[in-house]
PDB file of N, CA and C in Angstrom:
ATOM      1  N   UNK A   1     -19.510 -59.890 -20.105  1.00  0.00           N
ATOM      2  CA  UNK A   1     -18.569 -60.866 -19.600  1.00  0.00           C
ATOM      3  C   UNK A   1     -17.972 -60.334 -18.302  1.00  0.00           C
ATOM      4  N   UNK A   2     -18.016 -61.137 -17.257  1.00  0.00           N
ATOM      5  CA  UNK A   2     -17.439 -60.730 -15.982  1.00  0.00           C
ATOM      6  C   UNK A   2     -15.981 -61.146 -15.923  1.00  0.00           C
ATOM      7  N   UNK A   3     -15.305 -60.725 -14.889  1.00  0.00           N
ATOM      8  CA  UNK A   3     -13.887 -61.057 -14.738  1.00  0.00           C
ATOM      9  C   UNK A   3     -13.666 -62.550 -14.532  1.00  0.00           C
ATOM     10  N   UNK A   4     -14.671 -63.257 -14.055  1.00  0.00           N
ATOM     11  CA  UNK A   4     -14.518 -64.678 -13.770  1.00  0.00           C
ATOM     12  C   UNK A   4     -14.926 -65.573 -14.935  1.00  0.00           C
ATOM     13  N   UNK A   5     -15.476 -65.020 -15.992  1.00  0.00           N
ATOM     14  CA  UNK A   5     -15.905 -65.794 -17.135  1.00  0.00           C
ATOM     15  C   UNK A   5     -14.705 -66.137 -18.002  1.00  0.00           C
ATOM     16  N   UNK A   6     -14.638 -67.391 -18.454  1.00  0.00           N
ATOM     17  CA  UNK A   6     -13.551 -67.838 -19.310  1.00  0.00           C
ATOM     18  C   UNK A   6     -13.914 -67.512 -20.752  1.00  0.00           C
ATOM     19  N   UNK A   7     -12.987 -66.924 -21.471  1.00  0.00           N
ATOM     20  CA  UNK A   7     -13.198 -66.593 -22.870  1.00  0.00           C
ATOM     21  C   UNK A   7     -13.330 -67.879 -23.683  1.00  0.00           C
ATOM     22  N   UNK A   8     -14.284 -67.950 -24.625  1.00  0.00           N
ATOM     23  CA  UNK A   8     -14.418 -69.138 -25.471  1.00  0.00           C
ATOM     24  C   UNK A   8     -13.160 -69.421 -26.281  1.00  0.00           C
ATOM     25  N   UNK A   9     -12.408 -68.384 -26.618  1.00  0.00           N
ATOM     26  CA  UNK A   9     -11.178 -68.588 -27.383  1.00  0.00           C
ATOM     27  C   UNK A   9     -10.147 -69.404 -26.599  1.00  0.00           C
ATOM     28  N   UNK A  10     -10.166 -69.286 -25.268  1.00  0.00           N
ATOM     29  CA  UNK A  10      -9.215 -70.053 -24.453  1.00  0.00           C
ATOM     30  C   UNK A  10      -9.556 -71.532 -24.420  1.00  0.00           C
ATOM     31  N   UNK A  11     -10.837 -71.859 -24.638  1.00  0.00           N
ATOM     32  CA  UNK A  11     -11.266 -73.250 -24.611  1.00  0.00           C
ATOM     33  C   UNK A  11     -11.041 -73.952 -25.940  1.00  0.00           C
ATOM     34  N   UNK A  12     -10.772 -73.217 -26.988  1.00  0.00           N
ATOM     35  CA  UNK A  12     -10.560 -73.778 -28.312  1.00  0.00           C
ATOM     36  C   UNK A  12      -9.130 -74.309 -28.403  1.00  0.00           C
ATOM     37  N   UNK A  13      -8.986 -75.628 -28.448  1.00  0.00           N
ATOM     38  CA  UNK A  13      -7.654 -76.250 -28.447  1.00  0.00           C
ATOM     39  C   UNK A  13      -6.925 -76.035 -29.763  1.00  0.00           C
ATOM     40  N   UNK A  14      -7.664 -75.804 -30.859  1.00  0.00           N
ATOM     41  CA  UNK A  14      -7.013 -75.654 -32.153  1.00  0.00           C
ATOM     42  C   UNK A  14      -6.504 -74.230 -32.392  1.00  0.00           C
ATOM     43  N   UNK A  15      -6.833 -73.312 -31.515  1.00  0.00           N
ATOM     44  CA  UNK A  15      -6.386 -71.923 -31.679  1.00  0.00           C
ATOM     45  C   UNK A  15      -4.874 -71.846 -31.463  1.00  0.00           C
ATOM     46  N   UNK A  16      -4.184 -71.073 -32.323  1.00  0.00           N
ATOM     47  CA  UNK A  16      -2.737 -70.946 -32.133  1.00  0.00           C
ATOM     48  C   UNK A  16      -2.419 -70.255 -30.811  1.00  0.00           C
ATOM     49  N   UNK A  17      -1.372 -70.718 -30.186  1.00  0.00           N
ATOM     50  CA  UNK A  17      -0.992 -70.158 -28.891  1.00  0.00           C
ATOM     51  C   UNK A  17      -0.146 -68.909 -29.088  1.00  0.00           C
ATOM     52  N   UNK A  18      -0.411 -67.921 -28.267  1.00  0.00           N
ATOM     53  CA  UNK A  18       0.368 -66.690 -28.299  1.00  0.00           C
ATOM     54  C   UNK A  18       1.657 -66.930 -27.527  1.00  0.00           C
ATOM     55  N   UNK A  19       2.755 -66.564 -28.114  1.00  0.00           N
ATOM     56  CA  UNK A  19       4.050 -66.707 -27.461  1.00  0.00           C
ATOM     57  C   UNK A  19       4.593 -65.303 -27.219  1.00  0.00           C
ATOM     58  N   UNK A  20       4.208 -64.683 -26.094  1.00  0.00           N
ATOM     59  CA  UNK A  20       4.592 -63.297 -25.855  1.00  0.00           C
ATOM     60  C   UNK A  20       6.106 -63.069 -25.809  1.00  0.00           C
ATOM     61  N   UNK A  21       6.877 -64.028 -25.316  1.00  0.00           N
ATOM     62  CA  UNK A  21       8.330 -63.846 -25.234  1.00  0.00           C
ATOM     63  C   UNK A  21       8.910 -63.706 -26.637  1.00  0.00           C
ATOM     64  N   UNK A  22       8.447 -64.553 -27.537  1.00  0.00           N
ATOM     65  CA  UNK A  22       8.950 -64.516 -28.911  1.00  0.00           C
ATOM     66  C   UNK A  22       8.502 -63.235 -29.621  1.00  0.00           C
ATOM     67  N   UNK A  23       7.254 -62.859 -29.388  1.00  0.00           N
ATOM     68  CA  UNK A  23       6.759 -61.610 -29.977  1.00  0.00           C
ATOM     69  C   UNK A  23       7.547 -60.422 -29.451  1.00  0.00           C
ATOM     70  N   UNK A  24       7.761 -60.418 -28.156  1.00  0.00           N
ATOM     71  CA  UNK A  24       8.486 -59.303 -27.537  1.00  0.00           C
ATOM     72  C   UNK A  24       9.911 -59.226 -28.077  1.00  0.00           C
ATOM     73  N   UNK A  25      10.569 -60.370 -28.219  1.00  0.00           N
ATOM     74  CA  UNK A  25      11.937 -60.383 -28.740  1.00  0.00           C
ATOM     75  C   UNK A  25      11.970 -59.861 -30.178  1.00  0.00           C
ATOM     76  N   UNK A  26      10.995 -60.263 -30.981  1.00  0.00           N
ATOM     77  CA  UNK A  26      10.919 -59.785 -32.360  1.00  0.00           C
ATOM     78  C   UNK A  26      10.705 -58.279 -32.395  1.00  0.00           C
ATOM     79  N   UNK A  27       9.815 -57.788 -31.538  1.00  0.00           N
ATOM     80  CA  UNK A  27       9.552 -56.353 -31.472  1.00  0.00           C
ATOM     81  C   UNK A  27      10.778 -55.583 -30.987  1.00  0.00           C
ATOM     82  N   UNK A  28      11.498 -56.132 -30.022  1.00  0.00           N
ATOM     83  CA  UNK A  28      12.714 -55.478 -29.528  1.00  0.00           C
ATOM     84  C   UNK A  28      13.788 -55.445 -30.612  1.00  0.00           C
ATOM     85  N   UNK A  29      13.906 -56.538 -31.366  1.00  0.00           N
ATOM     86  CA  UNK A  29      14.872 -56.573 -32.462  1.00  0.00           C
ATOM     87  C   UNK A  29      14.531 -55.522 -33.518  1.00  0.00           C
ATOM     88  N   UNK A  30      13.231 -55.363 -33.803  1.00  0.00           N
ATOM     89  CA  UNK A  30      12.813 -54.358 -34.768  1.00  0.00           C
ATOM     90  C   UNK A  30      13.131 -52.952 -34.255  1.00  0.00           C
ATOM     91  N   UNK A  31      12.843 -52.692 -32.981  1.00  0.00           N
ATOM     92  CA  UNK A  31      13.133 -51.377 -32.417  1.00  0.00           C
ATOM     93  C   UNK A  31      14.633 -51.091 -32.448  1.00  0.00           C
ATOM     94  N   UNK A  32      15.450 -52.090 -32.152  1.00  0.00           N
ATOM     95  CA  UNK A  32      16.905 -51.912 -32.203  1.00  0.00           C
ATOM     96  C   UNK A  32      17.361 -51.613 -33.630  1.00  0.00           C
ATOM     97  N   UNK A  33      16.784 -52.293 -34.587  1.00  0.00           N
ATOM     98  CA  UNK A  33      17.116 -52.042 -35.989  1.00  0.00           C
ATOM     99  C   UNK A  33      16.718 -50.626 -36.397  1.00  0.00           C
ATOM    100  N   UNK A  34      15.537 -50.199 -35.955  1.00  0.00           N
ATOM    101  CA  UNK A  34      15.068 -48.844 -36.237  1.00  0.00           C
ATOM    102  C   UNK A  34      16.012 -47.810 -35.628  1.00  0.00           C
ATOM    103  N   UNK A  35      16.374 -48.014 -34.377  1.00  0.00           N
ATOM    104  CA  UNK A  35      17.277 -47.073 -33.700  1.00  0.00           C
ATOM    105  C   UNK A  35      18.653 -47.042 -34.365  1.00  0.00           C
ATOM    106  N   UNK A  36      19.125 -48.188 -34.814  1.00  0.00           N
ATOM    107  CA  UNK A  36      20.407 -48.245 -35.514  1.00  0.00           C
ATOM    108  C   UNK A  36      20.363 -47.354 -36.748  1.00  0.00           C
ATOM    109  N   UNK A  37      19.277 -47.453 -37.503  1.00  0.00           N
ATOM    110  CA  UNK A  37      19.149 -46.633 -38.710  1.00  0.00           C
ATOM    111  C   UNK A  37      19.022 -45.145 -38.378  1.00  0.00           C
ATOM    112  N   UNK A  38      18.412 -44.823 -37.253  1.00  0.00           N
ATOM    113  CA  UNK A  38      18.270 -43.427 -36.861  1.00  0.00           C
ATOM    114  C   UNK A  38      19.586 -42.844 -36.326  1.00  0.00           C
ATOM    115  N   UNK A  39      20.380 -43.663 -35.648  1.00  0.00           N
ATOM    116  CA  UNK A  39      21.643 -43.188 -35.071  1.00  0.00           C
ATOM    117  C   UNK A  39      22.781 -43.138 -36.083  1.00  0.00           C
ATOM    118  N   UNK A  40      22.718 -43.977 -37.100  1.00  0.00           N
ATOM    119  CA  UNK A  40      23.822 -44.096 -38.054  1.00  0.00           C
ATOM    120  C   UNK A  40      24.222 -42.753 -38.675  1.00  0.00           C
ATOM    121  N   UNK A  41      23.297 -41.936 -39.191  1.00  0.00           N
ATOM    122  CA  UNK A  41      23.719 -40.659 -39.786  1.00  0.00           C
ATOM    123  C   UNK A  41      24.368 -39.711 -38.778  1.00  0.00           C
ATOM    124  N   UNK A  42      23.974 -39.825 -37.545  1.00  0.00           N
ATOM    125  CA  UNK A  42      24.536 -38.961 -36.514  1.00  0.00           C
ATOM    126  C   UNK A  42      26.025 -39.248 -36.311  1.00  0.00           C
ATOM    127  N   UNK A  43      26.415 -40.503 -36.432  1.00  0.00           N
ATOM    128  CA  UNK A  43      27.805 -40.887 -36.209  1.00  0.00           C
ATOM    129  C   UNK A  43      28.641 -40.841 -37.486  1.00  0.00           C
ATOM    130  N   UNK A  44      27.988 -40.855 -38.643  1.00  0.00           N
ATOM    131  CA  UNK A  44      28.729 -40.821 -39.906  1.00  0.00           C
ATOM    132  C   UNK A  44      29.508 -39.523 -40.087  1.00  0.00           C
ATOM    133  N   UNK A  45      29.023 -38.453 -39.505  1.00  0.00           N
ATOM    134  CA  UNK A  45      29.668 -37.150 -39.694  1.00  0.00           C
ATOM    135  C   UNK A  45      30.801 -36.885 -38.698  1.00  0.00           C
ATOM    136  N   UNK A  46      31.026 -37.790 -37.754  1.00  0.00           N
ATOM    137  CA  UNK A  46      32.100 -37.584 -36.770  1.00  0.00           C
ATOM    138  C   UNK A  46      33.466 -37.861 -37.385  1.00  0.00           C
ATOM    139  N   UNK A  47      34.431 -37.078 -36.992  1.00  0.00           N
ATOM    140  CA  UNK A  47      35.793 -37.240 -37.479  1.00  0.00           C
ATOM    141  C   UNK A  47      36.500 -38.348 -36.689  1.00  0.00           C
ATOM    142  N   UNK A  48      37.319 -39.120 -37.387  1.00  0.00           N
ATOM    143  CA  UNK A  48      38.091 -40.175 -36.719  1.00  0.00           C
ATOM    144  C   UNK A  48      39.578 -39.816 -36.679  1.00  0.00           C
ATOM    145  N   UNK A  49      39.874 -38.543 -36.842  1.00  0.00           N
ATOM    146  CA  UNK A  49      41.270 -38.114 -36.856  1.00  0.00           C
ATOM    147  C   UNK A  49      41.812 -37.934 -35.438  1.00  0.00           C
ATOM    148  N   UNK A  50      43.138 -37.893 -35.335  1.00  0.00           N
ATOM    149  CA  UNK A  50      43.827 -37.706 -34.056  1.00  0.00           C
ATOM    150  C   UNK A  50      43.510 -36.336 -33.491  1.00  0.00           C
ATOM    151  N   UNK A  51      43.710 -36.047 -32.265  1.00  0.00           N
ATOM    152  CA  UNK A  51      44.363 -36.855 -31.257  1.00  0.00           C
ATOM    153  C   UNK A  51      43.412 -37.816 -30.539  1.00  0.00           C
ATOM    154  N   UNK A  52      42.082 -37.658 -30.671  1.00  0.00           N
ATOM    155  CA  UNK A  52      41.177 -38.518 -29.909  1.00  0.00           C
ATOM    156  C   UNK A  52      40.417 -39.519 -30.771  1.00  0.00           C
ATOM    157  N   UNK A  53      40.638 -39.501 -32.057  1.00  0.00           N
ATOM    158  CA  UNK A  53      39.946 -40.417 -32.951  1.00  0.00           C
ATOM    159  C   UNK A  53      40.652 -41.746 -33.041  1.00  0.00           C
ATOM    160  N   UNK A  54      39.977 -42.722 -33.559  1.00  0.00           N
ATOM    161  CA  UNK A  54      40.546 -44.059 -33.672  1.00  0.00           C
ATOM    162  C   UNK A  54      41.024 -44.393 -35.060  1.00  0.00           C
ATOM    163  N   UNK A  55      41.015 -43.404 -35.954  1.00  0.00           N
ATOM    164  CA  UNK A  55      41.501 -43.630 -37.309  1.00  0.00           C
ATOM    165  C   UNK A  55      40.588 -44.544 -38.111  1.00  0.00           C
ATOM    166  N   UNK A  56      41.197 -45.286 -39.028  1.00  0.00           N
ATOM    167  CA  UNK A  56      40.432 -46.180 -39.912  1.00  0.00           C
ATOM    168  C   UNK A  56      39.711 -47.282 -39.149  1.00  0.00           C
ATOM    169  N   UNK A  57      40.327 -47.758 -38.091  1.00  0.00           N
ATOM    170  CA  UNK A  57      39.694 -48.834 -37.310  1.00  0.00           C
ATOM    171  C   UNK A  57      38.372 -48.367 -36.715  1.00  0.00           C
ATOM    172  N   UNK A  58      38.338 -47.137 -36.245  1.00  0.00           N
ATOM    173  CA  UNK A  58      37.093 -46.621 -35.686  1.00  0.00           C
ATOM    174  C   UNK A  58      36.014 -46.545 -36.760  1.00  0.00           C
ATOM    175  N   UNK A  59      36.392 -46.081 -37.930  1.00  0.00           N
ATOM    176  CA  UNK A  59      35.441 -46.013 -39.031  1.00  0.00           C
ATOM    177  C   UNK A  59      34.935 -47.388 -39.437  1.00  0.00           C
ATOM    178  N   UNK A  60      35.825 -48.367 -39.388  1.00  0.00           N
ATOM    179  CA  UNK A  60      35.463 -49.731 -39.762  1.00  0.00           C
ATOM    180  C   UNK A  60      34.479 -50.347 -38.777  1.00  0.00           C
ATOM    181  N   UNK A  61      34.686 -50.128 -37.496  1.00  0.00           N
ATOM    182  CA  UNK A  61      33.868 -50.765 -36.456  1.00  0.00           C
ATOM    183  C   UNK A  61      32.712 -49.894 -35.972  1.00  0.00           C
ATOM    184  N   UNK A  62      32.562 -48.712 -36.516  1.00  0.00           N
ATOM    185  CA  UNK A  62      31.532 -47.784 -36.053  1.00  0.00           C
ATOM    186  C   UNK A  62      30.126 -48.377 -36.173  1.00  0.00           C
ATOM    187  N   UNK A  63      29.851 -49.093 -37.243  1.00  0.00           N
ATOM    188  CA  UNK A  63      28.528 -49.706 -37.424  1.00  0.00           C
ATOM    189  C   UNK A  63      28.176 -50.662 -36.295  1.00  0.00           C
ATOM    190  N   UNK A  64      29.166 -51.427 -35.848  1.00  0.00           N
ATOM    191  CA  UNK A  64      28.930 -52.349 -34.738  1.00  0.00           C
ATOM    192  C   UNK A  64      28.666 -51.593 -33.438  1.00  0.00           C
ATOM    193  N   UNK A  65      29.381 -50.489 -33.252  1.00  0.00           N
ATOM    194  CA  UNK A  65      29.187 -49.660 -32.065  1.00  0.00           C
ATOM    195  C   UNK A  65      27.769 -49.074 -32.049  1.00  0.00           C
ATOM    196  N   UNK A  66      27.333 -48.554 -33.177  1.00  0.00           N
ATOM    197  CA  UNK A  66      25.997 -47.961 -33.262  1.00  0.00           C
ATOM    198  C   UNK A  66      24.930 -49.024 -32.996  1.00  0.00           C
ATOM    199  N   UNK A  67      25.122 -50.208 -33.553  1.00  0.00           N
ATOM    200  CA  UNK A  67      24.166 -51.301 -33.328  1.00  0.00           C
ATOM    201  C   UNK A  67      24.131 -51.705 -31.853  1.00  0.00           C
ATOM    202  N   UNK A  68      25.284 -51.788 -31.213  1.00  0.00           N
ATOM    203  CA  UNK A  68      25.344 -52.138 -29.789  1.00  0.00           C
ATOM    204  C   UNK A  68      24.679 -51.064 -28.936  1.00  0.00           C
ATOM    205  N   UNK A  69      24.862 -49.808 -29.303  1.00  0.00           N
ATOM    206  CA  UNK A  69      24.218 -48.722 -28.564  1.00  0.00           C
ATOM    207  C   UNK A  69      22.695 -48.792 -28.713  1.00  0.00           C
ATOM    208  N   UNK A  70      22.227 -49.122 -29.902  1.00  0.00           N
ATOM    209  CA  UNK A  70      20.782 -49.249 -30.134  1.00  0.00           C
ATOM    210  C   UNK A  70      20.209 -50.398 -29.303  1.00  0.00           C
ATOM    211  N   UNK A  71      20.909 -51.528 -29.257  1.00  0.00           N
ATOM    212  CA  UNK A  71      20.434 -52.671 -28.471  1.00  0.00           C
ATOM    213  C   UNK A  71      20.398 -52.340 -26.985  1.00  0.00           C
ATOM    214  N   UNK A  72      21.404 -51.621 -26.503  1.00  0.00           N
ATOM    215  CA  UNK A  72      21.420 -51.222 -25.095  1.00  0.00           C
ATOM    216  C   UNK A  72      20.292 -50.242 -24.785  1.00  0.00           C
ATOM    217  N   UNK A  73      19.995 -49.374 -25.732  1.00  0.00           N
ATOM    218  CA  UNK A  73      18.897 -48.424 -25.552  1.00  0.00           C
ATOM    219  C   UNK A  73      17.579 -49.170 -25.409  1.00  0.00           C
ATOM    220  N   UNK A  74      17.373 -50.177 -26.248  1.00  0.00           N
ATOM    221  CA  UNK A  74      16.148 -50.986 -26.169  1.00  0.00           C
ATOM    222  C   UNK A  74      16.112 -51.743 -24.842  1.00  0.00           C
ATOM    223  N   UNK A  75      17.243 -52.301 -24.446  1.00  0.00           N
ATOM    224  CA  UNK A  75      17.318 -53.049 -23.183  1.00  0.00           C
ATOM    225  C   UNK A  75      16.998 -52.159 -21.987  1.00  0.00           C
ATOM    226  N   UNK A  76      17.339 -50.875 -22.077  1.00  0.00           N
ATOM    227  CA  UNK A  76      17.094 -49.926 -20.994  1.00  0.00           C
ATOM    228  C   UNK A  76      15.680 -49.336 -21.030  1.00  0.00           C
ATOM    229  N   UNK A  77      14.868 -49.766 -21.976  1.00  0.00           N
ATOM    230  CA  UNK A  77      13.487 -49.264 -22.049  1.00  0.00           C
ATOM    231  C   UNK A  77      13.121 -48.716 -23.405  1.00  0.00           C
ATOM    232  N   UNK A  78      14.098 -48.421 -24.209  1.00  0.00           N
ATOM    233  CA  UNK A  78      13.850 -47.974 -25.568  1.00  0.00           C
ATOM    234  C   UNK A  78      13.079 -46.677 -25.670  1.00  0.00           C
ATOM    235  N   UNK A  79      12.434 -46.512 -26.812  1.00  0.00           N
ATOM    236  CA  UNK A  79      11.661 -45.301 -27.076  1.00  0.00           C
ATOM    237  C   UNK A  79      10.162 -45.586 -27.111  1.00  0.00           C
ATOM    238  N   UNK A  80       9.769 -46.792 -26.697  1.00  0.00           N
ATOM    239  CA  UNK A  80       8.354 -47.134 -26.626  1.00  0.00           C
ATOM    240  C   UNK A  80       7.808 -47.823 -27.856  1.00  0.00           C
ATOM    241  N   UNK A  81       8.658 -48.095 -28.806  1.00  0.00           N
ATOM    242  CA  UNK A  81       8.211 -48.735 -30.041  1.00  0.00           C
ATOM    243  C   UNK A  81       7.876 -50.210 -29.830  1.00  0.00           C
ATOM    244  N   UNK A  82       8.593 -50.874 -28.946  1.00  0.00           N
ATOM    245  CA  UNK A  82       8.385 -52.306 -28.716  1.00  0.00           C
ATOM    246  C   UNK A  82       6.962 -52.607 -28.266  1.00  0.00           C
ATOM    247  N   UNK A  83       6.454 -51.868 -27.300  1.00  0.00           N
ATOM    248  CA  UNK A  83       5.104 -52.124 -26.795  1.00  0.00           C
ATOM    249  C   UNK A  83       4.044 -51.938 -27.876  1.00  0.00           C
ATOM    250  N   UNK A  84       4.229 -50.927 -28.705  1.00  0.00           N
ATOM    251  CA  UNK A  84       3.290 -50.678 -29.797  1.00  0.00           C
ATOM    252  C   UNK A  84       3.314 -51.817 -30.803  1.00  0.00           C
ATOM    253  N   UNK A  85       4.497 -52.302 -31.125  1.00  0.00           N
ATOM    254  CA  UNK A  85       4.629 -53.394 -32.085  1.00  0.00           C
ATOM    255  C   UNK A  85       4.015 -54.674 -31.529  1.00  0.00           C
ATOM    256  N   UNK A  86       4.266 -54.986 -30.267  1.00  0.00           N
ATOM    257  CA  UNK A  86       3.682 -56.183 -29.644  1.00  0.00           C
ATOM    258  C   UNK A  86       2.159 -56.092 -29.667  1.00  0.00           C
ATOM    259  N   UNK A  87       1.607 -54.944 -29.339  1.00  0.00           N
ATOM    260  CA  UNK A  87       0.155 -54.772 -29.357  1.00  0.00           C
ATOM    261  C   UNK A  87      -0.408 -55.001 -30.753  1.00  0.00           C
ATOM    262  N   UNK A  88       0.269 -54.494 -31.766  1.00  0.00           N
ATOM    263  CA  UNK A  88      -0.193 -54.685 -33.140  1.00  0.00           C
ATOM    264  C   UNK A  88      -0.068 -56.147 -33.571  1.00  0.00           C
ATOM    265  N   UNK A  89       0.993 -56.820 -33.145  1.00  0.00           N
ATOM    266  CA  UNK A  89       1.168 -58.235 -33.479  1.00  0.00           C
ATOM    267  C   UNK A  89       0.054 -59.073 -32.859  1.00  0.00           C
ATOM    268  N   UNK A  90      -0.288 -58.792 -31.623  1.00  0.00           N
ATOM    269  CA  UNK A  90      -1.369 -59.519 -30.953  1.00  0.00           C
ATOM    270  C   UNK A  90      -2.687 -59.245 -31.653  1.00  0.00           C
ATOM    271  N   UNK A  91      -2.920 -57.985 -32.016  1.00  0.00           N
ATOM    272  CA  UNK A  91      -4.160 -57.637 -32.706  1.00  0.00           C
ATOM    273  C   UNK A  91      -4.260 -58.349 -34.061  1.00  0.00           C
ATOM    274  N   UNK A  92      -3.163 -58.403 -34.775  1.00  0.00           N
ATOM    275  CA  UNK A  92      -3.147 -59.102 -36.070  1.00  0.00           C
ATOM    276  C   UNK A  92      -3.390 -60.596 -35.887  1.00  0.00           C
ATOM    277  N   UNK A  93      -2.838 -61.174 -34.831  1.00  0.00           N
ATOM    278  CA  UNK A  93      -3.032 -62.596 -34.578  1.00  0.00           C
ATOM    279  C   UNK A  93      -4.482 -62.886 -34.224  1.00  0.00           C
ATOM    280  N   UNK A  94      -5.094 -62.012 -33.434  1.00  0.00           N
ATOM    281  CA  UNK A  94      -6.495 -62.207 -33.060  1.00  0.00           C
ATOM    282  C   UNK A  94      -7.407 -62.061 -34.262  1.00  0.00           C
ATOM    283  N   UNK A  95      -7.100 -61.149 -35.181  1.00  0.00           N
ATOM    284  CA  UNK A  95      -7.913 -60.965 -36.368  1.00  0.00           C
ATOM    285  C   UNK A  95      -7.807 -62.166 -37.312  1.00  0.00           C
ATOM    286  N   UNK A  96      -6.669 -62.838 -37.282  1.00  0.00           N
ATOM    287  CA  UNK A  96      -6.477 -63.997 -38.150  1.00  0.00           C
ATOM    288  C   UNK A  96      -7.264 -65.214 -37.670  1.00  0.00           C
ATOM    289  N   UNK A  97      -7.658 -65.218 -36.412  1.00  0.00           N
ATOM    290  CA  UNK A  97      -8.367 -66.386 -35.846  1.00  0.00           C
ATOM    291  C   UNK A  97      -9.808 -66.392 -36.229  1.00  0.00           C
TER     292      UNK A  97
END
């Protein structure tokens, strides 16, 4: 097959369409969830006592902070898990056809 040849799969109207934006968002959400679980134990051991701690409120909202940090990490490029997940999702979709 040359670069100018059209794949027969593209001509098949009944084939499900790949939605890369949706796949990418799902993969990014998974990576953020993974990072949240990896970061959570690291922050659980921190003290929330004075003079620089936030007390009970900090302990209460810490989970949200860790989740926000994980999402920002993914937004900044993440750890490379998103690309691997997207590739596997595409491969699984192609095998199903």
